[in-house]
């Protein structure tokens, strides 16, 4: 089963993936799709509020954050899923994402935290669904002294499309087990 969607003028067929017996989601994967990554980055930047730095969570938002940074000439930071040897004085928070069946951690090292202090931070992700990853990034930004200038995503999935605190390109419905859109 697939769901056809048009994003930034490009059509894609998203495979429907089972979350549980009653819920399927459309899998939007930017990895390896340079055309959609470039188009989505440009479309989001047209709508972006003023910002100094882009942040995303590892890993699916990385290509988008990179391309938005490249096109805008701004820096980007990735909140890592695990502490790395090069990180000093690490700050962490937990995230419980709909696409992962366990609680994850997001980490920033002291260098990134200091770089973000007092700067306008644009939070970017490929898909916002439950908003759990977004909340975790906001916690990290708060710990750094950064100022959230906006929250952006390519797709607002399910109830996220009704939020007024995110900017997105398209709505992505959630699905029943037979592939019909959940009402």
N, C-alpha and C. Protein backbone atom coordinates (compact mmCIF):
# COMPACT_ATOMS: atom_id res chain seq x y z
N UNK A 1 0.84 -1.18 0.00
CA UNK A 1 0.00 0.00 0.00
C UNK A 1 0.88 1.24 0.00
N UNK A 2 0.44 2.23 -0.77
CA UNK A 2 1.17 3.48 -0.90
C UNK A 2 0.21 4.65 -0.83
N UNK A 3 0.77 5.82 -0.47
CA UNK A 3 0.01 7.06 -0.48
C UNK A 3 0.78 8.04 -1.36
N UNK A 4 0.10 8.54 -2.41
CA UNK A 4 0.76 9.51 -3.28
C UNK A 4 0.57 10.91 -2.70
N UNK A 5 1.67 11.65 -2.64
CA UNK A 5 1.64 13.01 -2.09
C UNK A 5 2.48 13.90 -3.00
N UNK A 6 2.09 15.17 -3.08
CA UNK A 6 2.89 16.16 -3.79
C UNK A 6 3.46 17.12 -2.77
N UNK A 7 4.79 17.26 -2.81
CA UNK A 7 5.51 18.12 -1.87
C UNK A 7 6.45 19.00 -2.66
N UNK A 8 6.36 20.30 -2.47
CA UNK A 8 7.25 21.25 -3.16
C UNK A 8 7.26 21.00 -4.67
N UNK A 9 6.09 20.66 -5.22
CA UNK A 9 5.96 20.45 -6.65
C UNK A 9 6.40 19.08 -7.15
N UNK A 10 6.77 18.19 -6.25
CA UNK A 10 7.25 16.85 -6.62
C UNK A 10 6.32 15.79 -6.06
N UNK A 11 6.00 14.79 -6.87
CA UNK A 11 5.15 13.69 -6.40
C UNK A 11 6.01 12.54 -5.90
N UNK A 12 5.55 11.95 -4.80
CA UNK A 12 6.21 10.79 -4.23
C UNK A 12 5.13 9.80 -3.77
N UNK A 13 5.46 8.50 -3.84
CA UNK A 13 4.61 7.44 -3.31
C UNK A 13 5.22 6.96 -2.00
N UNK A 14 4.51 7.19 -0.90
CA UNK A 14 4.99 6.82 0.42
C UNK A 14 4.45 5.45 0.80
N UNK A 15 5.33 4.50 1.12
CA UNK A 15 4.84 3.19 1.57
C UNK A 15 4.14 3.35 2.93
N UNK A 16 3.04 2.63 3.10
CA UNK A 16 2.33 2.67 4.37
C UNK A 16 2.93 1.61 5.30
N UNK A 17 3.26 2.04 6.51
CA UNK A 17 3.93 1.17 7.48
C UNK A 17 3.07 1.02 8.73
N UNK A 18 3.01 -0.19 9.22
CA UNK A 18 2.19 -0.53 10.39
C UNK A 18 2.83 -0.02 11.67
N UNK A 19 2.07 0.74 12.44
CA UNK A 19 2.48 1.14 13.79
C UNK A 19 1.85 0.18 14.80
N UNK A 20 0.56 -0.10 14.61
CA UNK A 20 -0.14 -1.12 15.39
C UNK A 20 -1.30 -1.62 14.54
N UNK A 21 -2.16 -2.47 15.07
CA UNK A 21 -3.25 -3.06 14.29
C UNK A 21 -4.19 -2.01 13.68
N UNK A 22 -4.31 -0.87 14.33
CA UNK A 22 -5.27 0.15 13.90
C UNK A 22 -4.64 1.39 13.28
N UNK A 23 -3.33 1.43 13.19
CA UNK A 23 -2.67 2.65 12.72
C UNK A 23 -1.51 2.35 11.78
N UNK A 24 -1.55 2.96 10.61
CA UNK A 24 -0.47 2.91 9.64
C UNK A 24 -0.07 4.34 9.32
N UNK A 25 1.22 4.53 9.03
CA UNK A 25 1.69 5.85 8.64
C UNK A 25 2.40 5.77 7.29
N UNK A 26 2.43 6.90 6.59
CA UNK A 26 3.17 6.99 5.33
C UNK A 26 4.62 7.28 5.63
N UNK A 27 5.52 6.43 5.15
CA UNK A 27 6.95 6.59 5.43
C UNK A 27 7.57 7.58 4.44
N UNK A 28 7.94 8.74 4.95
CA UNK A 28 8.60 9.77 4.15
C UNK A 28 10.09 9.72 4.48
N UNK A 29 10.89 9.29 3.53
CA UNK A 29 12.32 9.14 3.75
C UNK A 29 13.07 10.04 2.77
N UNK A 30 13.77 11.03 3.30
CA UNK A 30 14.53 11.95 2.46
C UNK A 30 15.91 11.40 2.10
N UNK A 31 16.41 10.47 2.90
CA UNK A 31 17.74 9.92 2.62
C UNK A 31 17.82 9.45 1.18
N UNK A 32 18.81 9.92 0.46
CA UNK A 32 19.06 9.48 -0.91
C UNK A 32 18.21 10.17 -1.96
N UNK A 33 17.26 11.00 -1.56
CA UNK A 33 16.41 11.71 -2.52
C UNK A 33 16.83 13.18 -2.55
N UNK A 34 17.87 13.45 -3.31
CA UNK A 34 18.43 14.79 -3.39
C UNK A 34 17.41 15.79 -3.93
N UNK A 35 16.66 15.37 -4.94
CA UNK A 35 15.69 16.27 -5.56
C UNK A 35 14.65 16.76 -4.55
N UNK A 36 14.08 15.86 -3.77
CA UNK A 36 13.06 16.27 -2.79
C UNK A 36 13.69 17.07 -1.66
N UNK A 37 14.90 16.71 -1.27
CA UNK A 37 15.59 17.43 -0.19
C UNK A 37 15.84 18.88 -0.59
N UNK A 38 16.36 19.09 -1.78
CA UNK A 38 16.65 20.45 -2.24
C UNK A 38 15.36 21.27 -2.39
N UNK A 39 14.33 20.66 -2.97
CA UNK A 39 13.07 21.37 -3.19
C UNK A 39 12.39 21.73 -1.87
N UNK A 40 12.39 20.79 -0.92
CA UNK A 40 11.76 21.05 0.38
C UNK A 40 12.52 22.11 1.16
N UNK A 41 13.84 22.06 1.11
CA UNK A 41 14.65 23.06 1.80
C UNK A 41 14.34 24.45 1.26
N UNK A 42 14.29 24.59 -0.04
CA UNK A 42 14.00 25.89 -0.64
C UNK A 42 12.61 26.38 -0.26
N UNK A 43 11.62 25.48 -0.31
CA UNK A 43 10.25 25.86 0.02
C UNK A 43 10.11 26.26 1.48
N UNK A 44 10.79 25.54 2.38
CA UNK A 44 10.73 25.90 3.79
C UNK A 44 11.43 27.22 4.06
N UNK A 45 12.57 27.45 3.42
CA UNK A 45 13.29 28.71 3.63
C UNK A 45 12.46 29.92 3.19
N UNK A 46 11.62 29.74 2.18
CA UNK A 46 10.73 30.83 1.76
C UNK A 46 9.76 31.21 2.87
N UNK A 47 9.43 30.28 3.75
CA UNK A 47 8.46 30.51 4.82
C UNK A 47 9.13 30.74 6.18
N UNK A 48 10.44 30.61 6.24
CA UNK A 48 11.15 30.62 7.53
C UNK A 48 11.17 31.99 8.18
N UNK A 49 11.01 32.02 9.50
CA UNK A 49 11.23 33.27 10.23
C UNK A 49 12.74 33.54 10.29
N UNK A 50 13.10 34.68 10.77
CA UNK A 50 14.52 35.02 10.92
C UNK A 50 15.17 34.04 11.90
N UNK A 51 16.38 33.58 11.57
CA UNK A 51 17.09 32.63 12.44
C UNK A 51 18.60 32.77 12.25
N UNK A 52 19.34 32.26 13.24
CA UNK A 52 20.80 32.24 13.18
C UNK A 52 21.33 30.83 12.93
N UNK A 53 20.67 29.84 13.53
CA UNK A 53 21.15 28.46 13.50
C UNK A 53 19.95 27.53 13.31
N UNK A 54 20.17 26.46 12.57
CA UNK A 54 19.17 25.40 12.40
C UNK A 54 19.58 24.25 13.31
N UNK A 55 18.59 23.62 13.95
CA UNK A 55 18.87 22.40 14.72
C UNK A 55 17.88 21.32 14.29
N UNK A 56 18.35 20.09 14.27
CA UNK A 56 17.50 18.94 14.01
C UNK A 56 17.97 17.79 14.91
N UNK A 57 17.11 16.80 15.03
CA UNK A 57 17.47 15.59 15.77
C UNK A 57 18.04 14.56 14.80
N UNK A 58 19.03 13.82 15.27
CA UNK A 58 19.57 12.72 14.48
C UNK A 58 18.45 11.70 14.29
N UNK A 59 18.12 11.22 13.14
CA UNK A 59 18.93 11.25 11.95
C UNK A 59 18.17 11.68 10.70
N UNK A 60 16.85 11.42 10.65
CA UNK A 60 16.14 11.65 9.39
C UNK A 60 16.07 13.12 8.99
N UNK A 61 16.19 14.05 9.91
CA UNK A 61 16.15 15.47 9.57
C UNK A 61 17.48 16.03 9.09
N UNK A 62 18.55 15.24 9.18
CA UNK A 62 19.88 15.75 8.84
C UNK A 62 19.99 16.25 7.40
N UNK A 63 19.56 15.48 6.40
CA UNK A 63 19.72 16.00 5.03
C UNK A 63 18.98 17.33 4.83
N UNK A 64 17.81 17.45 5.42
CA UNK A 64 17.03 18.68 5.29
C UNK A 64 17.73 19.85 5.98
N UNK A 65 18.18 19.63 7.21
CA UNK A 65 18.88 20.70 7.93
C UNK A 65 20.14 21.12 7.19
N UNK A 66 20.90 20.15 6.69
CA UNK A 66 22.10 20.47 5.93
C UNK A 66 21.76 21.32 4.71
N UNK A 67 20.76 20.89 3.94
CA UNK A 67 20.43 21.61 2.71
C UNK A 67 19.87 22.99 3.00
N UNK A 68 19.10 23.13 4.06
CA UNK A 68 18.60 24.46 4.44
C UNK A 68 19.77 25.35 4.86
N UNK A 69 20.73 24.78 5.57
CA UNK A 69 21.91 25.55 5.97
C UNK A 69 22.73 25.95 4.73
N UNK A 70 22.91 25.03 3.82
CA UNK A 70 23.68 25.32 2.60
C UNK A 70 23.02 26.42 1.79
N UNK A 71 21.71 26.32 1.60
CA UNK A 71 21.01 27.31 0.80
C UNK A 71 20.93 28.68 1.48
N UNK A 72 20.87 28.70 2.80
CA UNK A 72 20.73 29.96 3.54
C UNK A 72 22.07 30.57 3.95
N UNK A 73 23.12 29.76 3.92
CA UNK A 73 24.42 30.25 4.38
C UNK A 73 24.54 30.29 5.90
N UNK A 74 23.60 29.64 6.60
CA UNK A 74 23.62 29.60 8.07
C UNK A 74 24.19 28.28 8.55
N UNK A 75 24.47 28.20 9.84
CA UNK A 75 24.99 26.97 10.44
C UNK A 75 23.86 26.05 10.86
N UNK A 76 24.21 24.77 11.03
CA UNK A 76 23.24 23.82 11.58
C UNK A 76 23.92 22.92 12.59
N UNK A 77 23.10 22.41 13.50
CA UNK A 77 23.55 21.54 14.58
C UNK A 77 22.65 20.32 14.61
N UNK A 78 23.24 19.18 14.91
CA UNK A 78 22.48 17.94 15.04
C UNK A 78 22.53 17.49 16.49
N UNK A 79 21.36 17.34 17.10
CA UNK A 79 21.28 16.74 18.43
C UNK A 79 21.45 15.24 18.23
N UNK A 80 22.52 14.71 18.80
CA UNK A 80 22.89 13.31 18.58
C UNK A 80 22.09 12.38 19.49
N UNK A 81 21.95 11.12 19.05
CA UNK A 81 21.19 10.13 19.82
C UNK A 81 22.00 9.54 20.98
N UNK A 82 23.31 9.68 20.88
CA UNK A 82 24.19 9.16 21.93
C UNK A 82 25.33 10.13 22.14
N UNK A 83 25.88 10.10 23.34
CA UNK A 83 27.06 10.91 23.62
C UNK A 83 28.22 10.39 22.79
N UNK A 84 29.03 11.30 22.29
CA UNK A 84 30.20 10.96 21.49
C UNK A 84 31.45 11.35 22.27
N UNK A 85 32.56 10.69 21.96
CA UNK A 85 33.80 10.93 22.69
C UNK A 85 34.25 12.39 22.62
N UNK A 86 33.97 13.06 21.53
CA UNK A 86 34.41 14.44 21.37
C UNK A 86 33.56 15.43 22.18
N UNK A 87 32.43 14.98 22.69
CA UNK A 87 31.53 15.87 23.43
C UNK A 87 31.98 16.03 24.87
N UNK A 88 32.00 17.26 25.32
CA UNK A 88 32.33 17.56 26.72
C UNK A 88 31.12 18.20 27.37
N UNK A 89 30.94 17.94 28.68
CA UNK A 89 29.83 18.52 29.45
C UNK A 89 28.50 18.40 28.70
N UNK A 90 28.14 17.17 28.42
CA UNK A 90 26.98 16.86 27.59
C UNK A 90 25.67 17.16 28.32
N UNK A 91 24.74 17.77 27.58
CA UNK A 91 23.38 17.93 28.09
C UNK A 91 22.50 16.95 27.31
N UNK A 92 21.54 16.36 28.01
CA UNK A 92 20.70 15.33 27.38
C UNK A 92 19.23 15.53 27.74
N UNK A 93 18.40 14.91 26.95
CA UNK A 93 16.97 14.81 27.22
C UNK A 93 16.48 13.52 26.57
N UNK A 94 15.30 13.07 26.95
CA UNK A 94 14.74 11.85 26.38
C UNK A 94 13.68 12.18 25.35
N UNK A 95 13.48 11.26 24.41
CA UNK A 95 12.44 11.41 23.39
C UNK A 95 11.79 10.05 23.14
N UNK A 96 10.47 10.07 23.04
CA UNK A 96 9.71 8.86 22.76
C UNK A 96 8.97 9.08 21.44
N UNK A 97 9.61 8.72 20.34
CA UNK A 97 9.08 8.97 19.00
C UNK A 97 8.12 7.87 18.56
N UNK A 98 7.15 8.23 17.72
CA UNK A 98 6.17 7.26 17.21
C UNK A 98 6.83 6.21 16.32
N UNK A 99 7.96 6.54 15.69
CA UNK A 99 8.60 5.61 14.75
C UNK A 99 9.67 4.74 15.40
N UNK A 100 9.84 4.86 16.71
CA UNK A 100 10.81 4.04 17.43
C UNK A 100 10.11 3.39 18.60
N UNK A 101 10.40 2.12 18.83
CA UNK A 101 9.67 1.40 19.89
C UNK A 101 10.38 1.43 21.24
N UNK A 102 11.28 2.40 21.43
CA UNK A 102 11.93 2.55 22.72
C UNK A 102 12.25 4.03 22.94
N UNK A 103 12.51 4.38 24.18
CA UNK A 103 12.84 5.77 24.51
C UNK A 103 14.28 6.03 24.09
N UNK A 104 14.47 7.13 23.38
CA UNK A 104 15.80 7.52 22.92
C UNK A 104 16.29 8.72 23.72
N UNK A 105 17.54 9.04 23.50
CA UNK A 105 18.17 10.17 24.15
C UNK A 105 18.61 11.14 23.06
N UNK A 106 18.57 12.42 23.32
CA UNK A 106 19.18 13.42 22.45
C UNK A 106 20.23 14.17 23.25
N UNK A 107 21.38 14.41 22.62
CA UNK A 107 22.53 14.99 23.32
C UNK A 107 23.14 16.14 22.54
N UNK A 108 23.62 17.12 23.29
CA UNK A 108 24.43 18.20 22.73
C UNK A 108 25.67 18.36 23.60
N UNK A 109 26.79 18.60 22.96
CA UNK A 109 28.02 18.87 23.70
C UNK A 109 28.12 20.35 24.05
N UNK A 110 29.06 20.64 24.91
CA UNK A 110 29.28 22.00 25.40
C UNK A 110 29.55 23.00 24.27
N UNK A 111 30.31 22.60 23.25
CA UNK A 111 30.63 23.52 22.15
C UNK A 111 29.36 23.96 21.42
N UNK A 112 28.48 23.00 21.09
CA UNK A 112 27.23 23.35 20.42
C UNK A 112 26.34 24.19 21.33
N UNK A 113 26.28 23.82 22.60
CA UNK A 113 25.44 24.56 23.55
C UNK A 113 25.90 26.01 23.66
N UNK A 114 27.19 26.23 23.76
CA UNK A 114 27.72 27.60 23.84
C UNK A 114 27.46 28.37 22.55
N UNK A 115 27.59 27.70 21.41
CA UNK A 115 27.35 28.33 20.11
C UNK A 115 25.90 28.79 19.98
N UNK A 116 24.97 28.05 20.58
CA UNK A 116 23.54 28.36 20.48
C UNK A 116 23.10 29.44 21.46
N UNK A 117 23.86 29.67 22.51
CA UNK A 117 23.48 30.60 23.57
C UNK A 117 23.17 31.99 23.00
N UNK A 118 21.93 32.44 23.25
CA UNK A 118 21.53 33.77 22.83
C UNK A 118 21.18 33.91 21.36
N UNK A 119 21.26 32.84 20.61
CA UNK A 119 20.99 32.89 19.17
C UNK A 119 19.57 32.41 18.88
N UNK A 120 19.05 32.87 17.72
CA UNK A 120 17.72 32.46 17.26
C UNK A 120 17.85 31.10 16.57
N UNK A 121 17.15 30.12 17.12
CA UNK A 121 17.27 28.74 16.66
C UNK A 121 16.01 28.32 15.90
N UNK A 122 16.21 27.80 14.70
CA UNK A 122 15.12 27.27 13.89
C UNK A 122 15.14 25.75 14.01
N UNK A 123 14.07 25.19 14.57
CA UNK A 123 13.96 23.74 14.76
C UNK A 123 13.37 23.15 13.48
N UNK A 124 14.06 22.15 12.92
CA UNK A 124 13.67 21.57 11.63
C UNK A 124 13.61 20.06 11.76
N UNK A 125 12.58 19.47 11.14
CA UNK A 125 12.48 18.01 11.07
C UNK A 125 11.78 17.64 9.78
N UNK A 126 11.90 16.39 9.39
CA UNK A 126 11.27 15.95 8.14
C UNK A 126 9.76 15.77 8.33
N UNK A 127 9.35 15.18 9.46
CA UNK A 127 7.94 14.96 9.76
C UNK A 127 7.72 15.26 11.24
N UNK A 128 6.65 15.98 11.53
CA UNK A 128 6.23 16.14 12.92
C UNK A 128 4.90 15.43 13.05
N UNK A 129 4.83 14.51 14.00
CA UNK A 129 3.62 13.73 14.22
C UNK A 129 3.10 14.00 15.63
N UNK A 130 3.63 13.29 16.60
CA UNK A 130 3.19 13.48 17.98
C UNK A 130 3.83 14.72 18.60
N UNK A 131 4.94 15.17 18.03
CA UNK A 131 5.64 16.33 18.56
C UNK A 131 6.65 16.01 19.65
N UNK A 132 6.86 14.71 19.92
CA UNK A 132 7.78 14.33 21.00
C UNK A 132 9.23 14.73 20.69
N UNK A 133 9.67 14.52 19.46
CA UNK A 133 11.04 14.93 19.10
C UNK A 133 11.18 16.44 19.22
N UNK A 134 10.16 17.15 18.78
CA UNK A 134 10.15 18.61 18.86
C UNK A 134 10.28 19.08 20.30
N UNK A 135 9.49 18.47 21.20
CA UNK A 135 9.55 18.83 22.62
C UNK A 135 10.95 18.61 23.18
N UNK A 136 11.57 17.49 22.81
CA UNK A 136 12.90 17.19 23.32
C UNK A 136 13.93 18.20 22.82
N UNK A 137 13.82 18.58 21.56
CA UNK A 137 14.73 19.61 21.03
C UNK A 137 14.52 20.94 21.76
N UNK A 138 13.27 21.26 22.06
CA UNK A 138 12.98 22.50 22.77
C UNK A 138 13.60 22.49 24.17
N UNK A 139 13.58 21.34 24.82
CA UNK A 139 14.22 21.22 26.14
C UNK A 139 15.71 21.50 26.03
N UNK A 140 16.35 20.89 25.02
CA UNK A 140 17.79 21.12 24.83
C UNK A 140 18.08 22.59 24.54
N UNK A 141 17.28 23.19 23.67
CA UNK A 141 17.49 24.60 23.32
C UNK A 141 17.36 25.46 24.57
N UNK A 142 16.37 25.16 25.40
CA UNK A 142 16.20 25.90 26.66
C UNK A 142 17.41 25.79 27.56
N UNK A 143 18.04 24.62 27.59
CA UNK A 143 19.22 24.41 28.43
C UNK A 143 20.44 25.15 27.88
N UNK A 144 20.44 25.49 26.59
CA UNK A 144 21.59 26.19 26.00
C UNK A 144 21.48 27.70 26.09
N UNK A 145 20.29 28.21 26.37
CA UNK A 145 20.08 29.65 26.34
C UNK A 145 19.73 30.15 24.94
N UNK A 146 19.47 29.21 24.03
CA UNK A 146 19.03 29.59 22.69
C UNK A 146 17.59 30.05 22.70
N UNK A 147 17.20 30.77 21.66
CA UNK A 147 15.85 31.31 21.54
C UNK A 147 15.19 30.66 20.33
N UNK A 148 14.09 29.98 20.53
CA UNK A 148 13.41 29.31 19.42
C UNK A 148 12.74 30.38 18.54
N UNK A 149 13.17 30.44 17.27
CA UNK A 149 12.57 31.42 16.36
C UNK A 149 11.44 30.80 15.55
N UNK A 150 11.45 29.47 15.42
CA UNK A 150 10.39 28.81 14.67
C UNK A 150 10.58 27.31 14.68
N UNK A 151 9.50 26.62 14.28
CA UNK A 151 9.49 25.16 14.19
C UNK A 151 8.97 24.83 12.80
N UNK A 152 9.78 24.08 12.03
CA UNK A 152 9.42 23.80 10.64
C UNK A 152 9.56 22.32 10.33
N UNK A 153 8.71 21.86 9.42
CA UNK A 153 8.76 20.47 8.99
C UNK A 153 8.24 20.37 7.56
N UNK A 154 8.66 19.35 6.88
CA UNK A 154 8.14 19.10 5.54
C UNK A 154 6.68 18.67 5.65
N UNK A 155 6.43 17.66 6.50
CA UNK A 155 5.09 17.09 6.63
C UNK A 155 4.58 17.16 8.07
N UNK A 156 3.35 17.61 8.21
CA UNK A 156 2.66 17.58 9.50
C UNK A 156 1.72 16.38 9.44
N UNK A 157 2.02 15.38 10.26
CA UNK A 157 1.30 14.11 10.20
C UNK A 157 0.17 14.06 11.22
N UNK A 158 -1.00 13.60 10.76
CA UNK A 158 -2.13 13.42 11.65
C UNK A 158 -2.54 14.72 12.32
N UNK A 159 -2.69 14.67 13.65
CA UNK A 159 -3.14 15.83 14.43
C UNK A 159 -2.17 17.01 14.39
N UNK A 160 -0.91 16.77 14.04
CA UNK A 160 0.08 17.85 13.99
C UNK A 160 -0.33 18.93 12.99
N UNK A 161 -1.11 18.55 11.98
CA UNK A 161 -1.54 19.53 10.98
C UNK A 161 -2.44 20.60 11.58
N UNK A 162 -3.04 20.33 12.73
CA UNK A 162 -3.89 21.31 13.39
C UNK A 162 -3.14 22.25 14.31
N UNK A 163 -1.85 22.04 14.46
CA UNK A 163 -1.06 22.90 15.36
C UNK A 163 -0.80 24.24 14.71
N UNK A 164 -0.81 25.30 15.51
CA UNK A 164 -0.52 26.62 14.96
C UNK A 164 0.90 27.09 15.30
N UNK A 165 1.69 26.21 15.93
CA UNK A 165 3.05 26.60 16.30
C UNK A 165 4.10 26.00 15.38
N UNK A 166 3.69 25.32 14.30
CA UNK A 166 4.66 24.78 13.35
C UNK A 166 4.32 25.27 11.94
N UNK A 167 5.36 25.40 11.15
CA UNK A 167 5.23 25.74 9.74
C UNK A 167 5.57 24.49 8.96
N UNK A 168 4.70 24.11 8.03
CA UNK A 168 4.93 22.89 7.27
C UNK A 168 4.52 23.08 5.82
N UNK A 169 5.00 22.17 4.97
CA UNK A 169 4.69 22.24 3.55
C UNK A 169 3.39 21.52 3.21
N UNK A 170 3.19 20.33 3.76
CA UNK A 170 2.01 19.53 3.43
C UNK A 170 1.52 18.76 4.64
N UNK A 171 0.24 18.41 4.60
CA UNK A 171 -0.34 17.53 5.61
C UNK A 171 -0.17 16.08 5.16
N UNK A 172 0.12 15.21 6.10
CA UNK A 172 0.20 13.78 5.84
C UNK A 172 -0.80 13.09 6.76
N UNK A 173 -1.85 12.50 6.17
CA UNK A 173 -2.83 11.81 7.03
C UNK A 173 -2.24 10.54 7.62
N UNK A 174 -2.93 9.99 8.60
CA UNK A 174 -2.62 8.66 9.10
C UNK A 174 -3.67 7.72 8.53
N UNK A 175 -3.40 6.41 8.59
CA UNK A 175 -4.20 5.47 7.82
C UNK A 175 -4.71 4.30 8.65
N UNK A 176 -5.82 3.74 8.18
CA UNK A 176 -6.36 2.49 8.73
C UNK A 176 -5.55 1.33 8.12
N UNK A 177 -5.77 0.14 8.65
CA UNK A 177 -5.02 -1.03 8.18
C UNK A 177 -5.31 -1.39 6.73
N UNK A 178 -6.45 -0.92 6.19
CA UNK A 178 -6.76 -1.20 4.79
C UNK A 178 -6.24 -0.12 3.84
N UNK A 179 -5.52 0.86 4.37
CA UNK A 179 -4.94 1.92 3.55
C UNK A 179 -5.82 3.14 3.38
N UNK A 180 -7.03 3.13 3.93
CA UNK A 180 -7.88 4.31 3.86
C UNK A 180 -7.43 5.32 4.91
N UNK A 181 -7.73 6.58 4.64
CA UNK A 181 -7.34 7.64 5.56
C UNK A 181 -8.21 7.57 6.80
N UNK A 182 -7.55 7.64 7.96
CA UNK A 182 -8.24 7.64 9.25
C UNK A 182 -8.96 8.97 9.42
N UNK A 183 -10.19 8.91 9.83
CA UNK A 183 -10.97 10.15 10.06
C UNK A 183 -10.84 10.60 11.47
